Amino acid sequence: MAELKYIHSAEARDKWLTESIEYQMGNIGSEVSRALKWTAKGNQKRADVAIDRALELFDFTIEANRRNRPRLMEILVAREEFCDYFFAGNSWGTKPEQMQKYYDGFVMMEQLRK
């Protein structure tokens, strides 16, 4: 079995696990935004890098929130929507603006939290 290679360092992952859900989802949203932007511009190579980073951050966020079932379910649905949009032909019919607005809400909540 091949060894899993992470994009983010072990230190970044460990710090991520201690951050608030607003911080985590807001930063995932930054990668989602990049993926949407580069896909719209037709630069699939850059879009793929952002997609990979977003998926890794989703996985870290799932790990950090695995004991909070309602929160975990929301993260899993958000990840599923993201994957549907980029890998499964957008069968959910998600619009890029809708996806961005969802993540922007977490950024605003994180700013209010500080």
C-alpha atoms as a PDB file:
ATOM      1  CA  MET A   1       0.000   0.000   0.000  1.00  0.00           C
ATOM      2  CA  ALA A   2       1.366   3.420  -0.961  1.00  0.00           C
ATOM      3  CA  GLU A   3       2.236   5.900   1.772  1.00  0.00           C
ATOM      4  CA  LEU A   4      -0.156   8.839   2.011  1.00  0.00           C
ATOM      5  CA  LYS A   5       1.568  12.148   1.297  1.00  0.00           C
ATOM      6  CA  TYR A   6       0.227  15.277   2.914  1.00  0.00           C
ATOM      7  CA  ILE A   7       0.314  18.735   1.397  1.00  0.00           C
ATOM      8  CA  HIS A   8       0.296  20.463   4.786  1.00  0.00           C
ATOM      9  CA  SER A   9       3.000  19.807   7.378  1.00  0.00           C
ATOM     10  CA  ALA A  10       2.414  17.743  10.507  1.00  0.00           C
ATOM     11  CA  GLU A  11       2.761  20.933  12.553  1.00  0.00           C
ATOM     12  CA  ALA A  12       0.092  22.669  10.473  1.00  0.00           C
ATOM     13  CA  ARG A  13      -2.203  19.657  10.884  1.00  0.00           C
ATOM     14  CA  ASP A  14      -1.714  19.598  14.651  1.00  0.00           C
ATOM     15  CA  LYS A  15      -2.458  23.328  14.906  1.00  0.00           C
ATOM     16  CA  TRP A  16      -5.502  22.871  12.646  1.00  0.00           C
ATOM     17  CA  LEU A  17      -6.981  20.356  15.060  1.00  0.00           C
ATOM     18  CA  THR A  18      -7.099  23.026  17.799  1.00  0.00           C
ATOM     19  CA  GLU A  19      -8.731  25.775  15.706  1.00  0.00           C
ATOM     20  CA  SER A  20     -12.405  26.760  15.814  1.00  0.00           C
ATOM     21  CA  ILE A  21     -14.873  25.342  13.292  1.00  0.00           C
ATOM     22  CA  GLU A  22     -15.334  28.858  11.917  1.00  0.00           C
ATOM     23  CA  TYR A  23     -11.594  29.128  11.252  1.00  0.00           C
ATOM     24  CA  GLN A  24     -11.449  25.658   9.723  1.00  0.00           C
ATOM     25  CA  MET A  25     -14.432  26.068   7.410  1.00  0.00           C
ATOM     26  CA  GLY A  26     -13.444  29.610   6.466  1.00  0.00           C
ATOM     27  CA  ASN A  27     -10.034  28.389   5.360  1.00  0.00           C
ATOM     28  CA  ILE A  28     -11.542  25.486   3.467  1.00  0.00           C
ATOM     29  CA  GLY A  29     -13.663  28.146   1.800  1.00  0.00           C
ATOM     30  CA  SER A  30     -10.511  29.945   0.649  1.00  0.00           C
ATOM     31  CA  GLU A  31      -9.413  26.810  -1.191  1.00  0.00           C
ATOM     32  CA  VAL A  32     -12.930  26.299  -2.559  1.00  0.00           C
ATOM     33  CA  SER A  33     -12.832  29.875  -3.855  1.00  0.00           C
ATOM     34  CA  ARG A  34      -9.477  29.247  -5.552  1.00  0.00           C
ATOM     35  CA  ALA A  35     -10.733  26.012  -7.087  1.00  0.00           C
ATOM     36  CA  LEU A  36     -13.847  27.744  -8.425  1.00  0.00           C
ATOM     37  CA  LYS A  37     -11.826  30.683  -9.772  1.00  0.00           C
ATOM     38  CA  TRP A  38      -9.233  28.553 -11.569  1.00  0.00           C
ATOM     39  CA  THR A  39     -11.873  26.207 -12.955  1.00  0.00           C
ATOM     40  CA  ALA A  40     -13.807  29.178 -14.370  1.00  0.00           C
ATOM     41  CA  LYS A  41     -10.589  30.505 -15.934  1.00  0.00           C
ATOM     42  CA  GLY A  42      -9.873  27.116 -17.493  1.00  0.00           C
ATOM     43  CA  ASN A  43      -6.650  26.538 -15.536  1.00  0.00           C
ATOM     44  CA  GLN A  44      -7.254  22.971 -14.400  1.00  0.00           C
ATOM     45  CA  LYS A  45      -3.728  22.480 -13.055  1.00  0.00           C
ATOM     46  CA  ARG A  46      -4.137  25.309 -10.531  1.00  0.00           C
ATOM     47  CA  ALA A  47      -7.719  24.250  -9.815  1.00  0.00           C
ATOM     48  CA  ASP A  48      -6.516  20.720  -9.023  1.00  0.00           C
ATOM     49  CA  VAL A  49      -3.964  22.051  -6.518  1.00  0.00           C
ATOM     50  CA  ALA A  50      -6.691  24.017  -4.712  1.00  0.00           C
ATOM     51  CA  ILE A  51      -9.036  21.012  -4.821  1.00  0.00           C
ATOM     52  CA  ASP A  52      -6.366  18.784  -3.266  1.00  0.00           C
ATOM     53  CA  ARG A  53      -5.669  21.317  -0.515  1.00  0.00           C
ATOM     54  CA  ALA A  54      -9.389  21.707   0.201  1.00  0.00           C
ATOM     55  CA  LEU A  55      -9.872  17.944   0.457  1.00  0.00           C
ATOM     56  CA  GLU A  56      -6.961  17.623   2.850  1.00  0.00           C
ATOM     57  CA  LEU A  57      -8.361  20.439   5.017  1.00  0.00           C
ATOM     58  CA  PHE A  58     -11.775  18.759   4.938  1.00  0.00           C
ATOM     59  CA  ASP A  59     -10.154  15.566   6.192  1.00  0.00           C
ATOM     60  CA  PHE A  60      -8.337  17.399   8.994  1.00  0.00           C
ATOM     61  CA  THR A  61     -11.589  19.130   9.949  1.00  0.00           C
ATOM     62  CA  ILE A  62     -13.451  15.826  10.004  1.00  0.00           C
ATOM     63  CA  GLU A  63     -10.767  14.424  12.299  1.00  0.00           C
ATOM     64  CA  ALA A  64     -10.939  17.459  14.600  1.00  0.00           C
ATOM     65  CA  ASN A  65     -14.733  17.269  14.897  1.00  0.00           C
ATOM     66  CA  ARG A  66     -15.333  13.514  14.919  1.00  0.00           C
ATOM     67  CA  ARG A  67     -16.870  13.560  18.410  1.00  0.00           C
ATOM     68  CA  ASN A  68     -19.444  16.249  17.623  1.00  0.00           C
ATOM     69  CA  ARG A  69     -21.994  14.347  15.536  1.00  0.00           C
ATOM     70  CA  PRO A  70     -24.141  17.298  14.313  1.00  0.00           C
ATOM     71  CA  ARG A  71     -21.059  19.289  13.338  1.00  0.00           C
ATOM     72  CA  LEU A  72     -19.452  16.242  11.747  1.00  0.00           C
ATOM     73  CA  MET A  73     -22.564  15.630   9.643  1.00  0.00           C
ATOM     74  CA  GLU A  74     -22.491  19.213   8.338  1.00  0.00           C
ATOM     75  CA  ILE A  75     -18.802  18.910   7.427  1.00  0.00           C
ATOM     76  CA  LEU A  76     -19.426  15.620   5.632  1.00  0.00           C
ATOM     77  CA  VAL A  77     -22.325  17.086   3.636  1.00  0.00           C
ATOM     78  CA  ALA A  78     -20.195  20.110   2.690  1.00  0.00           C
ATOM     79  CA  ARG A  79     -17.407  17.771   1.555  1.00  0.00           C
ATOM     80  CA  GLU A  80     -19.879  15.678  -0.411  1.00  0.00           C
ATOM     81  CA  GLU A  81     -21.272  18.773  -2.137  1.00  0.00           C
ATOM     82  CA  PHE A  82     -17.727  19.903  -2.970  1.00  0.00           C
ATOM     83  CA  CYS A  83     -16.872  16.489  -4.425  1.00  0.00           C
ATOM     84  CA  ASP A  84     -20.141  16.356  -6.351  1.00  0.00           C
ATOM     85  CA  TYR A  85     -19.404  19.750  -7.882  1.00  0.00           C
ATOM     86  CA  PHE A  86     -15.825  19.004  -8.930  1.00  0.00           C
ATOM     87  CA  PHE A  87     -15.881  15.243  -9.591  1.00  0.00           C
ATOM     88  CA  ALA A  88     -19.437  14.015 -10.227  1.00  0.00           C
ATOM     89  CA  GLY A  89     -20.848  16.436 -12.778  1.00  0.00           C
ATOM     90  CA  ASN A  90     -22.612  18.609 -10.197  1.00  0.00           C
ATOM     91  CA  SER A  91     -25.648  16.354  -9.919  1.00  0.00           C
ATOM     92  CA  TRP A  92     -26.792  18.452  -6.942  1.00  0.00           C
ATOM     93  CA  GLY A  93     -27.002  21.516  -9.183  1.00  0.00           C
ATOM     94  CA  THR A  94     -24.863  23.638  -6.875  1.00  0.00           C
ATOM     95  CA  LYS A  95     -24.072  27.114  -8.145  1.00  0.00           C
ATOM     96  CA  PRO A  96     -20.571  28.473  -7.432  1.00  0.00           C
ATOM     97  CA  GLU A  97     -22.071  31.569  -5.784  1.00  0.00           C
ATOM     98  CA  GLN A  98     -24.064  29.366  -3.378  1.00  0.00           C
ATOM     99  CA  MET A  99     -21.006  27.400  -2.396  1.00  0.00           C
ATOM    100  CA  GLN A 100     -18.944  30.552  -1.853  1.00  0.00           C
ATOM    101  CA  LYS A 101     -21.685  32.193   0.204  1.00  0.00           C
ATOM    102  CA  TYR A 102     -21.808  29.178   2.536  1.00  0.00           C
ATOM    103  CA  TYR A 103     -18.089  29.419   3.336  1.00  0.00           C
ATOM    104  CA  ASP A 104     -18.146  33.219   3.561  1.00  0.00           C
ATOM    105  CA  GLY A 105     -20.551  32.845   6.479  1.00  0.00           C
ATOM    106  CA  PHE A 106     -17.872  31.017   8.454  1.00  0.00           C
ATOM    107  CA  VAL A 107     -15.349  33.769   7.728  1.00  0.00           C
ATOM    108  CA  MET A 108     -17.778  36.354   9.078  1.00  0.00           C
ATOM    109  CA  MET A 109     -18.477  34.246  12.181  1.00  0.00           C
ATOM    110  CA  GLU A 110     -14.738  33.856  12.817  1.00  0.00           C
ATOM    111  CA  GLN A 111     -14.250  37.618  12.539  1.00  0.00           C
ATOM    112  CA  LEU A 112     -17.078  38.221  15.016  1.00  0.00           C
ATOM    113  CA  ARG A 113     -15.620  35.620  17.364  1.00  0.00           C
ATOM    114  CA  LYS A 114     -12.365  37.572  17.722  1.00  0.00           C
END
